[in-house]
Amino acid sequence: MADSTFSFDLAAAGAWDGSAASADALLVERLRAGEDRAYEELLTRFQQPVYNIVYRLIADNGNTADVVQEVFLNVFRSIGAFRAESSLKTWVYRIAVNGAHNHRRWFTRRRGLETGLEDDQGEGMTFEQTLPDHGPSPFELASDQETRVAIEAALQGVRPAFRDALVLREIEGLSYEEIAEVLQANLNTVKTRIVRGRQALREQLAKRLAGNGNQQHQPNSAHRSNAALGAA
């Protein structure tokens, strides 16, 4: 009986995946045909997550709207090249991440702060350090707006390559496999970046807490954030 229930669940999951893929294929065909409503549907589905990704990956948040606009222009221009080798979601997210990278490179060059995106991707880590981190992240432990603001600020101090994976995992809820598709990286690299990103985020948050340690008017915020770090 248990086996038949398990088989049913697998079949249902497969049917759902097939249905989602069919819906994506239909939307892509409508986009290629230039249907206005298809463009509206694409924006409705992806505008907010793309905004969330770009906002957290670029160095100057004030230009988020301009970068998002450019991302969707690239999506519309490139829709003819979509070959369904990945899901429509991961394809759009990949364009968003690449758009954020391009803008970040331009911005850092302009400010003379060019930093390589691919440096220190996990060299020197032990096997245990590359394993998935199953503990709750600071994002999951943030139960109030004040703590979330502190975590968002600390996120900007995380190395860009680690931040990319962390945002896709913690903010957008992508699976490791989906993140690998978006970042065009292997699964072990993705897991390593997420582990190191979480470590870096905790360190950045700890520094901020230490900097606020002498501010007596913020005891509740410091206590909550310390609790998040300790549990994470």
C-alpha atoms as a PDB file:
ATOM      1  CA  MET A   1       0.000   0.000   0.000  1.00  0.00           C
ATOM      2  CA  ALA A   2       2.805   2.343   0.906  1.00  0.00           C
ATOM      3  CA  ASP A   3       4.551   1.573  -2.391  1.00  0.00           C
ATOM      4  CA  SER A   4       1.484   2.430  -4.450  1.00  0.00           C
ATOM      5  CA  THR A   5       1.044   5.724  -2.578  1.00  0.00           C
ATOM      6  CA  PHE A   6       4.700   6.573  -3.191  1.00  0.00           C
ATOM      7  CA  SER A   7       4.312   5.771  -6.898  1.00  0.00           C
ATOM      8  CA  PHE A   8       1.236   7.950  -7.052  1.00  0.00           C
ATOM      9  CA  ASP A   9       3.106  10.867  -5.493  1.00  0.00           C
ATOM     10  CA  LEU A  10       5.935  10.498  -8.005  1.00  0.00           C
ATOM     11  CA  ALA A  11       3.484  10.395 -10.876  1.00  0.00           C
ATOM     12  CA  ALA A  12       1.720  13.491  -9.571  1.00  0.00           C
ATOM     13  CA  ALA A  13       5.019  15.345  -9.255  1.00  0.00           C
ATOM     14  CA  GLY A  14       5.981  14.334 -12.774  1.00  0.00           C
ATOM     15  CA  ALA A  15       2.622  15.479 -14.099  1.00  0.00           C
ATOM     16  CA  TRP A  16       3.037  18.845 -12.371  1.00  0.00           C
ATOM     17  CA  ASP A  17       6.505  19.303 -13.820  1.00  0.00           C
ATOM     18  CA  GLY A  18       5.220  18.378 -17.265  1.00  0.00           C
ATOM     19  CA  SER A  19       2.333  20.806 -16.927  1.00  0.00           C
ATOM     20  CA  ALA A  20       4.690  23.629 -15.897  1.00  0.00           C
ATOM     21  CA  ALA A  21       6.997  22.866 -18.829  1.00  0.00           C
ATOM     22  CA  SER A  22       4.041  22.875 -21.232  1.00  0.00           C
ATOM     23  CA  ALA A  23       2.845  26.218 -19.852  1.00  0.00           C
ATOM     24  CA  ASP A  24       6.366  27.626 -20.279  1.00  0.00           C
ATOM     25  CA  ALA A  25       6.550  26.337 -23.859  1.00  0.00           C
ATOM     26  CA  LEU A  26       3.205  27.916 -24.706  1.00  0.00           C
ATOM     27  CA  LEU A  27       4.226  31.239 -23.160  1.00  0.00           C
ATOM     28  CA  VAL A  28       7.490  31.202 -25.102  1.00  0.00           C
ATOM     29  CA  GLU A  29       5.660  30.595 -28.375  1.00  0.00           C
ATOM     30  CA  ARG A  30       3.296  33.466 -27.654  1.00  0.00           C
ATOM     31  CA  LEU A  31       6.245  35.728 -26.829  1.00  0.00           C
ATOM     32  CA  ARG A  32       7.932  34.776 -30.095  1.00  0.00           C
ATOM     33  CA  ALA A  33       4.721  35.629 -31.907  1.00  0.00           C
ATOM     34  CA  GLY A  34       4.812  39.098 -30.338  1.00  0.00           C
ATOM     35  CA  GLU A  35       1.600  38.719 -28.361  1.00  0.00           C
ATOM     36  CA  ASP A  36       1.189  41.700 -26.023  1.00  0.00           C
ATOM     37  CA  ARG A  37      -0.616  39.726 -23.326  1.00  0.00           C
ATOM     38  CA  ALA A  38       2.227  37.215 -23.237  1.00  0.00           C
ATOM     39  CA  TYR A  39       4.651  40.020 -22.406  1.00  0.00           C
ATOM     40  CA  GLU A  40       2.316  41.153 -19.628  1.00  0.00           C
ATOM     41  CA  GLU A  41       2.179  37.617 -18.237  1.00  0.00           C
ATOM     42  CA  LEU A  42       5.971  37.337 -18.285  1.00  0.00           C
ATOM     43  CA  LEU A  43       6.305  40.635 -16.395  1.00  0.00           C
ATOM     44  CA  THR A  44       3.634  39.638 -13.874  1.00  0.00           C
ATOM     45  CA  ARG A  45       5.400  36.365 -13.192  1.00  0.00           C
ATOM     46  CA  PHE A  46       9.010  37.536 -13.077  1.00  0.00           C
ATOM     47  CA  GLN A  47       9.175  41.274 -12.429  1.00  0.00           C
ATOM     48  CA  GLN A  48       9.256  41.055  -8.619  1.00  0.00           C
ATOM     49  CA  PRO A  49      11.757  38.182  -8.299  1.00  0.00           C
ATOM     50  CA  VAL A  50      14.030  39.788 -10.911  1.00  0.00           C
ATOM     51  CA  TYR A  51      13.844  43.065  -8.981  1.00  0.00           C
ATOM     52  CA  ASN A  52      14.693  41.219  -5.739  1.00  0.00           C
ATOM     53  CA  ILE A  53      17.737  39.587  -7.346  1.00  0.00           C
ATOM     54  CA  VAL A  54      19.097  42.712  -9.023  1.00  0.00           C
ATOM     55  CA  TYR A  55      18.538  44.887  -5.947  1.00  0.00           C
ATOM     56  CA  ARG A  56      20.695  42.618  -3.804  1.00  0.00           C
ATOM     57  CA  LEU A  57      23.433  41.943  -6.362  1.00  0.00           C
ATOM     58  CA  ILE A  58      24.341  45.404  -7.617  1.00  0.00           C
ATOM     59  CA  ALA A  59      26.451  47.846  -5.640  1.00  0.00           C
ATOM     60  CA  ASP A  60      24.266  50.918  -6.184  1.00  0.00           C
ATOM     61  CA  ASN A  61      20.657  50.063  -5.363  1.00  0.00           C
ATOM     62  CA  GLY A  62      19.397  53.353  -6.781  1.00  0.00           C
ATOM     63  CA  ASN A  63      19.899  51.984 -10.294  1.00  0.00           C
ATOM     64  CA  THR A  64      17.904  48.795  -9.694  1.00  0.00           C
ATOM     65  CA  ALA A  65      14.914  49.848 -11.821  1.00  0.00           C
ATOM     66  CA  ASP A  66      17.145  50.702 -14.794  1.00  0.00           C
ATOM     67  CA  VAL A  67      18.972  47.361 -14.582  1.00  0.00           C
ATOM     68  CA  VAL A  68      15.664  45.464 -14.293  1.00  0.00           C
ATOM     69  CA  GLN A  69      14.365  47.244 -17.379  1.00  0.00           C
ATOM     70  CA  GLU A  70      17.494  46.236 -19.291  1.00  0.00           C
ATOM     71  CA  VAL A  71      17.098  42.633 -18.081  1.00  0.00           C
ATOM     72  CA  PHE A  72      13.614  42.379 -19.539  1.00  0.00           C
ATOM     73  CA  LEU A  73      14.692  44.034 -22.763  1.00  0.00           C
ATOM     74  CA  ASN A  74      17.339  41.310 -23.041  1.00  0.00           C
ATOM     75  CA  VAL A  75      14.743  38.638 -22.258  1.00  0.00           C
ATOM     76  CA  PHE A  76      12.454  39.921 -25.025  1.00  0.00           C
ATOM     77  CA  ARG A  77      15.336  40.238 -27.499  1.00  0.00           C
ATOM     78  CA  SER A  78      16.660  36.761 -26.688  1.00  0.00           C
ATOM     79  CA  ILE A  79      13.414  34.801 -26.452  1.00  0.00           C
ATOM     80  CA  GLY A  80      14.018  33.368 -29.917  1.00  0.00           C
ATOM     81  CA  ALA A  81      17.215  31.760 -28.604  1.00  0.00           C
ATOM     82  CA  PHE A  82      15.475  29.979 -25.715  1.00  0.00           C
ATOM     83  CA  ARG A  83      15.834  26.233 -26.333  1.00  0.00           C
ATOM     84  CA  ALA A  84      14.109  24.822 -23.229  1.00  0.00           C
ATOM     85  CA  GLU A  85      17.354  23.208 -22.088  1.00  0.00           C
ATOM     86  CA  SER A  86      16.512  24.727 -18.714  1.00  0.00           C
ATOM     87  CA  SER A  87      13.261  26.026 -17.265  1.00  0.00           C
ATOM     88  CA  LEU A  88      12.014  29.446 -18.315  1.00  0.00           C
ATOM     89  CA  LYS A  89      12.486  30.590 -14.710  1.00  0.00           C
ATOM     90  CA  THR A  90      16.164  29.681 -14.476  1.00  0.00           C
ATOM     91  CA  TRP A  91      16.769  31.162 -17.946  1.00  0.00           C
ATOM     92  CA  VAL A  92      15.229  34.500 -16.929  1.00  0.00           C
ATOM     93  CA  TYR A  93      17.081  34.449 -13.597  1.00  0.00           C
ATOM     94  CA  ARG A  94      20.355  33.782 -15.434  1.00  0.00           C
ATOM     95  CA  ILE A  95      19.798  36.889 -17.565  1.00  0.00           C
ATOM     96  CA  ALA A  96      19.005  38.848 -14.382  1.00  0.00           C
ATOM     97  CA  VAL A  97      22.184  37.681 -12.632  1.00  0.00           C
ATOM     98  CA  ASN A  98      24.282  38.419 -15.725  1.00  0.00           C
ATOM     99  CA  GLY A  99      22.701  41.857 -15.990  1.00  0.00           C
ATOM    100  CA  ALA A 100      23.534  42.553 -12.349  1.00  0.00           C
ATOM    101  CA  HIS A 101      27.109  41.330 -12.919  1.00  0.00           C
ATOM    102  CA  ASN A 102      27.561  43.603 -15.934  1.00  0.00           C
ATOM    103  CA  HIS A 103      26.276  46.613 -14.055  1.00  0.00           C
ATOM    104  CA  ARG A 104      28.396  45.774 -11.007  1.00  0.00           C
ATOM    105  CA  ARG A 105      31.530  45.549 -13.168  1.00  0.00           C
ATOM    106  CA  TRP A 106      30.730  48.905 -14.748  1.00  0.00           C
ATOM    107  CA  PHE A 107      30.065  50.484 -11.375  1.00  0.00           C
ATOM    108  CA  THR A 108      33.194  49.131  -9.708  1.00  0.00           C
ATOM    109  CA  ARG A 109      35.383  50.179 -12.649  1.00  0.00           C
ATOM    110  CA  ARG A 110      33.876  53.631 -12.473  1.00  0.00           C
ATOM    111  CA  ARG A 111      34.771  53.854  -8.800  1.00  0.00           C
ATOM    112  CA  GLY A 112      38.129  52.180  -9.217  1.00  0.00           C
ATOM    113  CA  LEU A 113      37.096  49.238  -7.064  1.00  0.00           C
ATOM    114  CA  GLU A 114      37.224  46.420  -9.601  1.00  0.00           C
ATOM    115  CA  THR A 115      36.930  43.078  -7.830  1.00  0.00           C
ATOM    116  CA  GLY A 116      37.087  39.703  -9.587  1.00  0.00           C
ATOM    117  CA  LEU A 117      33.861  37.748  -9.385  1.00  0.00           C
ATOM    118  CA  GLU A 118      35.545  34.368  -9.524  1.00  0.00           C
ATOM    119  CA  ASP A 119      38.299  34.707  -6.934  1.00  0.00           C
ATOM    120  CA  ASP A 120      38.394  32.457  -3.891  1.00  0.00           C
ATOM    121  CA  GLN A 121      35.554  30.122  -4.836  1.00  0.00           C
ATOM    122  CA  GLY A 122      36.283  27.601  -2.116  1.00  0.00           C
ATOM    123  CA  GLU A 123      39.997  26.883  -2.279  1.00  0.00           C
ATOM    124  CA  GLY A 124      41.433  25.592   0.956  1.00  0.00           C
ATOM    125  CA  MET A 125      38.128  24.318   2.330  1.00  0.00           C
ATOM    126  CA  THR A 126      37.884  20.935   4.008  1.00  0.00           C
ATOM    127  CA  PHE A 127      35.458  18.281   2.784  1.00  0.00           C
ATOM    128  CA  GLU A 128      33.187  18.979   5.750  1.00  0.00           C
ATOM    129  CA  GLN A 129      33.063  22.671   4.902  1.00  0.00           C
ATOM    130  CA  THR A 130      31.747  21.939   1.404  1.00  0.00           C
ATOM    131  CA  LEU A 131      28.809  19.908   2.691  1.00  0.00           C
ATOM    132  CA  PRO A 132      25.352  21.557   2.638  1.00  0.00           C
ATOM    133  CA  ASP A 133      24.586  23.666   5.697  1.00  0.00           C
ATOM    134  CA  HIS A 134      21.368  22.172   7.083  1.00  0.00           C
ATOM    135  CA  GLY A 135      21.069  24.658   9.944  1.00  0.00           C
ATOM    136  CA  PRO A 136      18.759  27.665   9.717  1.00  0.00           C
ATOM    137  CA  SER A 137      20.274  30.699   8.040  1.00  0.00           C
ATOM    138  CA  PRO A 138      20.125  34.231   9.462  1.00  0.00           C
ATOM    139  CA  PHE A 139      17.367  34.958   6.928  1.00  0.00           C
ATOM    140  CA  GLU A 140      15.201  32.180   8.363  1.00  0.00           C
ATOM    141  CA  LEU A 141      15.832  33.287  11.929  1.00  0.00           C
ATOM    142  CA  ALA A 142      15.005  36.951  11.372  1.00  0.00           C
ATOM    143  CA  SER A 143      11.595  37.334  12.992  1.00  0.00           C
ATOM    144  CA  ASP A 144      11.241  41.112  12.920  1.00  0.00           C
ATOM    145  CA  GLN A 145      11.777  43.985  10.505  1.00  0.00           C
ATOM    146  CA  GLU A 146      14.684  45.524  12.437  1.00  0.00           C
ATOM    147  CA  THR A 147      16.689  42.304  12.304  1.00  0.00           C
ATOM    148  CA  ARG A 148      15.904  41.792   8.618  1.00  0.00           C
ATOM    149  CA  VAL A 149      17.180  45.290   7.828  1.00  0.00           C
ATOM    150  CA  ALA A 150      20.428  44.488   9.647  1.00  0.00           C
ATOM    151  CA  ILE A 151      20.812  41.245   7.691  1.00  0.00           C
ATOM    152  CA  GLU A 152      20.115  42.950   4.354  1.00  0.00           C
ATOM    153  CA  ALA A 153      22.818  45.518   5.157  1.00  0.00           C
ATOM    154  CA  ALA A 154      25.259  42.780   6.170  1.00  0.00           C
ATOM    155  CA  LEU A 155      24.538  40.955   2.901  1.00  0.00           C
ATOM    156  CA  GLN A 156      26.183  43.794   0.977  1.00  0.00           C
ATOM    157  CA  GLY A 157      29.462  42.931   2.683  1.00  0.00           C
ATOM    158  CA  VAL A 158      29.442  39.348   1.392  1.00  0.00           C
ATOM    159  CA  ARG A 159      31.734  38.552  -1.545  1.00  0.00           C
ATOM    160  CA  PRO A 160      29.733  38.878  -4.807  1.00  0.00           C
ATOM    161  CA  ALA A 161      30.072  35.260  -5.980  1.00  0.00           C
ATOM    162  CA  PHE A 162      28.871  33.971  -2.611  1.00  0.00           C
ATOM    163  CA  ARG A 163      26.119  36.586  -2.467  1.00  0.00           C
ATOM    164  CA  ASP A 164      24.764  35.450  -5.850  1.00  0.00           C
ATOM    165  CA  ALA A 165      24.235  31.889  -4.624  1.00  0.00           C
ATOM    166  CA  LEU A 166      22.966  33.039  -1.236  1.00  0.00           C
ATOM    167  CA  VAL A 167      20.321  35.347  -2.701  1.00  0.00           C
ATOM    168  CA  LEU A 168      19.063  32.663  -5.090  1.00  0.00           C
ATOM    169  CA  ARG A 169      18.846  30.146  -2.251  1.00  0.00           C
ATOM    170  CA  GLU A 170      17.659  32.231   0.702  1.00  0.00           C
ATOM    171  CA  ILE A 171      15.575  34.915  -1.002  1.00  0.00           C
ATOM    172  CA  GLU A 172      14.235  33.154  -4.095  1.00  0.00           C
ATOM    173  CA  GLY A 173      14.140  29.636  -2.647  1.00  0.00           C
ATOM    174  CA  LEU A 174      15.768  27.924  -5.632  1.00  0.00           C
ATOM    175  CA  SER A 175      17.032  24.366  -5.334  1.00  0.00           C
ATOM    176  CA  TYR A 176      20.753  23.647  -5.590  1.00  0.00           C
ATOM    177  CA  GLU A 177      20.151  22.251  -9.073  1.00  0.00           C
ATOM    178  CA  GLU A 178      18.300  25.378 -10.205  1.00  0.00           C
ATOM    179  CA  ILE A 179      21.052  27.607  -8.813  1.00  0.00           C
ATOM    180  CA  ALA A 180      23.621  25.549 -10.721  1.00  0.00           C
ATOM    181  CA  GLU A 181      21.649  26.202 -13.923  1.00  0.00           C
ATOM    182  CA  VAL A 182      21.373  29.933 -13.241  1.00  0.00           C
ATOM    183  CA  LEU A 183      25.036  30.389 -12.338  1.00  0.00           C
ATOM    184  CA  GLN A 184      26.316  27.867 -14.903  1.00  0.00           C
ATOM    185  CA  ALA A 185      28.306  26.159 -12.152  1.00  0.00           C
ATOM    186  CA  ASN A 186      28.565  22.573 -10.952  1.00  0.00           C
ATOM    187  CA  LEU A 187      26.578  21.404  -7.946  1.00  0.00           C
ATOM    188  CA  ASN A 188      29.534  21.168  -5.559  1.00  0.00           C
ATOM    189  CA  THR A 189      30.577  24.720  -6.395  1.00  0.00           C
ATOM    190  CA  VAL A 190      27.048  25.940  -5.667  1.00  0.00           C
ATOM    191  CA  LYS A 191      26.964  24.160  -2.310  1.00  0.00           C
ATOM    192  CA  THR A 192      30.366  25.564  -1.395  1.00  0.00           C
ATOM    193  CA  ARG A 193      29.332  29.110  -2.281  1.00  0.00           C
ATOM    194  CA  ILE A 194      26.174  28.845  -0.188  1.00  0.00           C
ATOM    195  CA  VAL A 195      28.071  27.477   2.827  1.00  0.00           C
ATOM    196  CA  ARG A 196      30.716  30.182   2.564  1.00  0.00           C
ATOM    197  CA  GLY A 197      28.095  32.837   1.881  1.00  0.00           C
ATOM    198  CA  ARG A 198      26.242  31.936   5.064  1.00  0.00           C
ATOM    199  CA  GLN A 199      29.500  32.009   7.024  1.00  0.00           C
ATOM    200  CA  ALA A 200      30.411  35.400   5.564  1.00  0.00           C
ATOM    201  CA  LEU A 201      26.941  36.776   6.289  1.00  0.00           C
ATOM    202  CA  ARG A 202      27.180  35.721   9.931  1.00  0.00           C
ATOM    203  CA  GLU A 203      30.615  37.335  10.190  1.00  0.00           C
ATOM    204  CA  GLN A 204      29.372  40.575   8.646  1.00  0.00           C
ATOM    205  CA  LEU A 205      26.388  40.624  10.975  1.00  0.00           C
ATOM    206  CA  ALA A 206      28.616  39.952  13.978  1.00  0.00           C
ATOM    207  CA  LYS A 207      30.830  42.919  12.997  1.00  0.00           C
ATOM    208  CA  ARG A 208      27.784  45.155  12.822  1.00  0.00           C
ATOM    209  CA  LEU A 209      26.635  43.958  16.224  1.00  0.00           C
ATOM    210  CA  ALA A 210      30.077  44.606  17.667  1.00  0.00           C
ATOM    211  CA  GLY A 211      30.017  48.106  16.200  1.00  0.00           C
ATOM    212  CA  ASN A 212      26.683  48.766  17.887  1.00  0.00           C
ATOM    213  CA  GLY A 213      27.689  47.165  21.152  1.00  0.00           C
ATOM    214  CA  ASN A 214      28.224  50.471  22.946  1.00  0.00           C
ATOM    215  CA  GLN A 215      24.920  51.930  21.793  1.00  0.00           C
ATOM    216  CA  GLN A 216      22.743  51.410  24.827  1.00  0.00           C
ATOM    217  CA  HIS A 217      19.579  52.469  23.016  1.00  0.00           C
ATOM    218  CA  GLN A 218      19.668  49.316  20.814  1.00  0.00           C
ATOM    219  CA  PRO A 219      19.808  46.410  23.289  1.00  0.00           C
ATOM    220  CA  ASN A 220      16.795  44.541  21.917  1.00  0.00           C
ATOM    221  CA  SER A 221      18.047  44.583  18.323  1.00  0.00           C
ATOM    222  CA  ALA A 222      21.502  43.366  19.333  1.00  0.00           C
ATOM    223  CA  HIS A 223      20.046  40.602  21.470  1.00  0.00           C
ATOM    224  CA  ARG A 224      17.782  39.341  18.692  1.00  0.00           C
ATOM    225  CA  SER A 225      20.525  39.371  16.084  1.00  0.00           C
ATOM    226  CA  ASN A 226      22.995  37.624  18.413  1.00  0.00           C
ATOM    227  CA  ALA A 227      20.399  34.951  19.040  1.00  0.00           C
ATOM    228  CA  ALA A 228      19.999  34.467  15.286  1.00  0.00           C
ATOM    229  CA  LEU A 229      23.728  34.106  14.813  1.00  0.00           C
ATOM    230  CA  GLY A 230      24.069  31.664  17.667  1.00  0.00           C
ATOM    231  CA  ALA A 231      21.237  29.452  16.474  1.00  0.00           C
ATOM    232  CA  ALA A 232      22.399  29.587  12.869  1.00  0.00           C
END
